[in-house]
C-alpha atoms as a PDB file:
ATOM      1  CA  MET A   1      86.340 102.075 101.835  1.00  0.00           C
ATOM      2  CA  SER A   2      85.392 104.789 104.798  1.00  0.00           C
ATOM      3  CA  SER A   3      87.786 107.216 106.865  1.00  0.00           C
ATOM      4  CA  VAL A   4      86.481 104.554 110.254  1.00  0.00           C
ATOM      5  CA  ASP A   5      87.957 101.529 107.880  1.00  0.00           C
ATOM      6  CA  ALA A   6      91.823 103.921 106.715  1.00  0.00           C
ATOM      7  CA  PHE A   7      91.194 105.160 110.700  1.00  0.00           C
ATOM      8  CA  ILE A   8      92.497 101.378 111.730  1.00  0.00           C
ATOM      9  CA  ALA A   9      94.186  99.381 108.725  1.00  0.00           C
ATOM     10  CA  MET A  10      97.128 103.397 108.972  1.00  0.00           C
ATOM     11  CA  LEU A  11      96.655 102.717 113.701  1.00  0.00           C
ATOM     12  CA  MET A  12      97.243  98.622 112.086  1.00  0.00           C
ATOM     13  CA  ASN A  13     100.389  99.582 110.374  1.00  0.00           C
ATOM     14  CA  SER A  14     101.730 101.967 113.142  1.00  0.00           C
ATOM     15  CA  ARG A  15     101.920  98.949 114.984  1.00  0.00           C
ATOM     16  CA  THR A  16     103.581  96.870 112.862  1.00  0.00           C
ATOM     17  CA  GLN A  17     106.367  99.876 111.725  1.00  0.00           C
ATOM     18  CA  THR A  18     106.266 100.707 115.046  1.00  0.00           C
ATOM     19  CA  HIS A  19     107.417  97.609 116.136  1.00  0.00           C
ATOM     20  CA  TYR A  20     109.447  97.519 112.819  1.00  0.00           C
ATOM     21  CA  PHE A  21     111.402 101.035 113.644  1.00  0.00           C
ATOM     22  CA  HIS A  22     111.731  99.572 117.810  1.00  0.00           C
ATOM     23  CA  LEU A  23     114.092  96.406 116.444  1.00  0.00           C
ATOM     24  CA  ASN A  24     116.326  98.757 114.615  1.00  0.00           C
ATOM     25  CA  THR A  25     117.138 101.890 116.549  1.00  0.00           C
ATOM     26  CA  ASN A  26     120.599 101.918 118.053  1.00  0.00           C
ATOM     27  CA  SER A  27     118.948 104.135 121.122  1.00  0.00           C
ATOM     28  CA  TYR A  28     117.985 102.838 123.622  1.00  0.00           C
ATOM     29  CA  ALA A  29     115.533 105.345 124.923  1.00  0.00           C
ATOM     30  CA  GLN A  30     114.020 104.848 121.362  1.00  0.00           C
ATOM     31  CA  HIS A  31     113.226 101.673 121.974  1.00  0.00           C
ATOM     32  CA  LYS A  32     111.886 102.255 124.801  1.00  0.00           C
ATOM     33  CA  ALA A  33     109.542 105.026 123.383  1.00  0.00           C
ATOM     34  CA  LEU A  34     108.788 103.328 120.552  1.00  0.00           C
ATOM     35  CA  GLU A  35     107.592  99.918 122.803  1.00  0.00           C
ATOM     36  CA  LYS A  36     105.379 101.743 124.822  1.00  0.00           C
ATOM     37  CA  TYR A  37     103.576 102.982 120.699  1.00  0.00           C
ATOM     38  CA  TYR A  38     102.834 100.013 119.958  1.00  0.00           C
ATOM     39  CA  THR A  39     102.583  98.163 123.412  1.00  0.00           C
ATOM     40  CA  GLY A  40      99.553 101.202 123.377  1.00  0.00           C
ATOM     41  CA  ILE A  41      98.078 100.927 120.603  1.00  0.00           C
ATOM     42  CA  VAL A  42      96.496  97.137 119.770  1.00  0.00           C
ATOM     43  CA  PRO A  43      93.965  98.170 123.034  1.00  0.00           C
ATOM     44  CA  LEU A  44      92.945 101.851 121.621  1.00  0.00           C
ATOM     45  CA  ILE A  45      92.423 100.214 117.710  1.00  0.00           C
ATOM     46  CA  ASP A  46      89.711  97.398 119.661  1.00  0.00           C
ATOM     47  CA  ALA A  47      88.639 100.159 121.953  1.00  0.00           C
ATOM     48  CA  TYR A  48      87.709 102.086 118.749  1.00  0.00           C
ATOM     49  CA  SER A  49      86.435  98.667 116.144  1.00  0.00           C
ATOM     50  CA  GLU A  50      84.074  97.427 119.450  1.00  0.00           C
ATOM     51  CA  THR A  51      82.728 100.913 119.899  1.00  0.00           C
ATOM     52  CA  TYR A  52      82.230 101.131 116.452  1.00  0.00           C
ATOM     53  CA  THR A  53      78.607 100.515 115.612  1.00  0.00           C
ATOM     54  CA  LYS A  54      78.831  99.109 112.291  1.00  0.00           C
ATOM     55  CA  LYS A  55      81.733  95.893 111.737  1.00  0.00           C
ATOM     56  CA  VAL A  56      85.031  97.169 110.177  1.00  0.00           C
ATOM     57  CA  LYS A  57      86.375  96.036 106.972  1.00  0.00           C
ATOM     58  CA  PRO A  58      89.184  94.896 105.861  1.00  0.00           C
ATOM     59  CA  THR A  59      91.568  97.538 103.699  1.00  0.00           C
ATOM     60  CA  PRO A  60      94.569  96.865 102.018  1.00  0.00           C
ATOM     61  CA  MET A  61      97.360  97.441 104.294  1.00  0.00           C
ATOM     62  CA  ASN A  62      98.939 101.668 103.734  1.00  0.00           C
ATOM     63  CA  LYS A  63     102.116 101.629 101.952  1.00  0.00           C
ATOM     64  CA  ARG A  64     103.588 103.916 104.079  1.00  0.00           C
ATOM     65  CA  PHE A  65     105.984 101.633 104.612  1.00  0.00           C
ATOM     66  CA  MET A  66     109.722 103.611 106.271  1.00  0.00           C
ATOM     67  CA  LYS A  67     112.623 101.518 106.583  1.00  0.00           C
ATOM     68  CA  THR A  68     114.932 104.277 108.113  1.00  0.00           C
ATOM     69  CA  PRO A  69     115.060 104.577 111.741  1.00  0.00           C
ATOM     70  CA  THR A  70     116.332 108.268 111.507  1.00  0.00           C
ATOM     71  CA  LYS A  71     112.509 109.148 110.056  1.00  0.00           C
ATOM     72  CA  ILE A  72     110.634 108.002 113.111  1.00  0.00           C
ATOM     73  CA  SER A  73     109.646 111.793 114.090  1.00  0.00           C
ATOM     74  CA  ALA A  74     108.361 112.305 110.698  1.00  0.00           C
ATOM     75  CA  TYR A  75     106.528 109.402 110.579  1.00  0.00           C
ATOM     76  CA  PHE A  76     104.474 110.036 113.882  1.00  0.00           C
ATOM     77  CA  LYS A  77     103.845 113.982 112.323  1.00  0.00           C
ATOM     78  CA  ASP A  78     102.921 112.859 109.174  1.00  0.00           C
ATOM     79  CA  MET A  79     100.382 110.195 111.161  1.00  0.00           C
ATOM     80  CA  LEU A  80      99.358 113.760 113.023  1.00  0.00           C
ATOM     81  CA  GLN A  81      98.267 115.393 110.080  1.00  0.00           C
ATOM     82  CA  ARG A  82      96.180 112.710 108.437  1.00  0.00           C
ATOM     83  CA  ILE A  83      94.537 111.837 110.987  1.00  0.00           C
ATOM     84  CA  LYS A  84      93.219 115.213 110.793  1.00  0.00           C
ATOM     85  CA  LYS A  85      92.039 115.021 108.017  1.00  0.00           C
ATOM     86  CA  MET A  86      90.055 112.383 108.642  1.00  0.00           C
ATOM     87  CA  LYS A  87      86.347 112.968 108.730  1.00  0.00           C
ATOM     88  CA  LEU A  88      85.555 110.705 112.008  1.00  0.00           C
ATOM     89  CA  PRO A  89      82.753 109.964 114.046  1.00  0.00           C
ATOM     90  CA  THR A  90      82.433 113.396 116.222  1.00  0.00           C
ATOM     91  CA  ASP A  91      79.853 111.218 118.763  1.00  0.00           C
ATOM     92  CA  SER A  92      81.590 111.423 122.197  1.00  0.00           C
ATOM     93  CA  HIS A  93      83.036 108.041 123.509  1.00  0.00           C
ATOM     94  CA  MET A  94      84.348 107.356 119.672  1.00  0.00           C
ATOM     95  CA  LYS A  95      85.802 111.407 120.177  1.00  0.00           C
ATOM     96  CA  ALA A  96      86.712 109.812 123.290  1.00  0.00           C
ATOM     97  CA  ILE A  97      88.808 107.361 121.881  1.00  0.00           C
ATOM     98  CA  GLU A  98      90.054 109.445 118.724  1.00  0.00           C
ATOM     99  CA  ASP A  99      91.854 111.835 121.456  1.00  0.00           C
ATOM    100  CA  ASP A 100      93.441 108.623 123.541  1.00  0.00           C
ATOM    101  CA  ILE A 101      95.172 107.819 119.710  1.00  0.00           C
ATOM    102  CA  VAL A 102      96.232 111.614 119.441  1.00  0.00           C
ATOM    103  CA  ALA A 103      97.182 111.576 122.704  1.00  0.00           C
ATOM    104  CA  LEU A 104      99.823 108.485 122.765  1.00  0.00           C
ATOM    105  CA  ILE A 105     100.713 109.661 119.661  1.00  0.00           C
ATOM    106  CA  HIS A 106     102.379 112.994 120.434  1.00  0.00           C
ATOM    107  CA  LYS A 107     103.887 111.238 124.471  1.00  0.00           C
ATOM    108  CA  THR A 108     106.121 108.880 121.750  1.00  0.00           C
ATOM    109  CA  LEU A 109     107.188 112.540 119.446  1.00  0.00           C
ATOM    110  CA  TYR A 110     107.629 113.107 122.661  1.00  0.00           C
ATOM    111  CA  MET A 111     109.260 110.532 124.970  1.00  0.00           C
ATOM    112  CA  LEU A 112     111.323 110.493 121.031  1.00  0.00           C
ATOM    113  CA  LYS A 113     113.014 113.280 121.737  1.00  0.00           C
ATOM    114  CA  LEU A 114     114.298 111.263 125.372  1.00  0.00           C
ATOM    115  CA  LYS A 115     118.462 109.810 125.542  1.00  0.00           C
END
């Protein structure tokens, strides 16, 4: 499995995971922040996948599914660490979309701190 395949699988999993957190939080601010993430990540996944010059291979979804909405920030921080370790394409057009994805994660982390 390539790093790009793993990256896309991780992002697709994050959409589902975040939607689960969204439906189970008792905080309206978290509810809205998570909704912005899971609706915002899908177009970025598409843009990244469609810009990649090779076909994306189906990859098993990550097994890092969390059931506890109290670990939301830890989930996003872990994603950032995993992305840093991946050897992703460095072409400027691919890097720009990756940067947008990382920015969305950082924005979500910021919004999760709001009351």
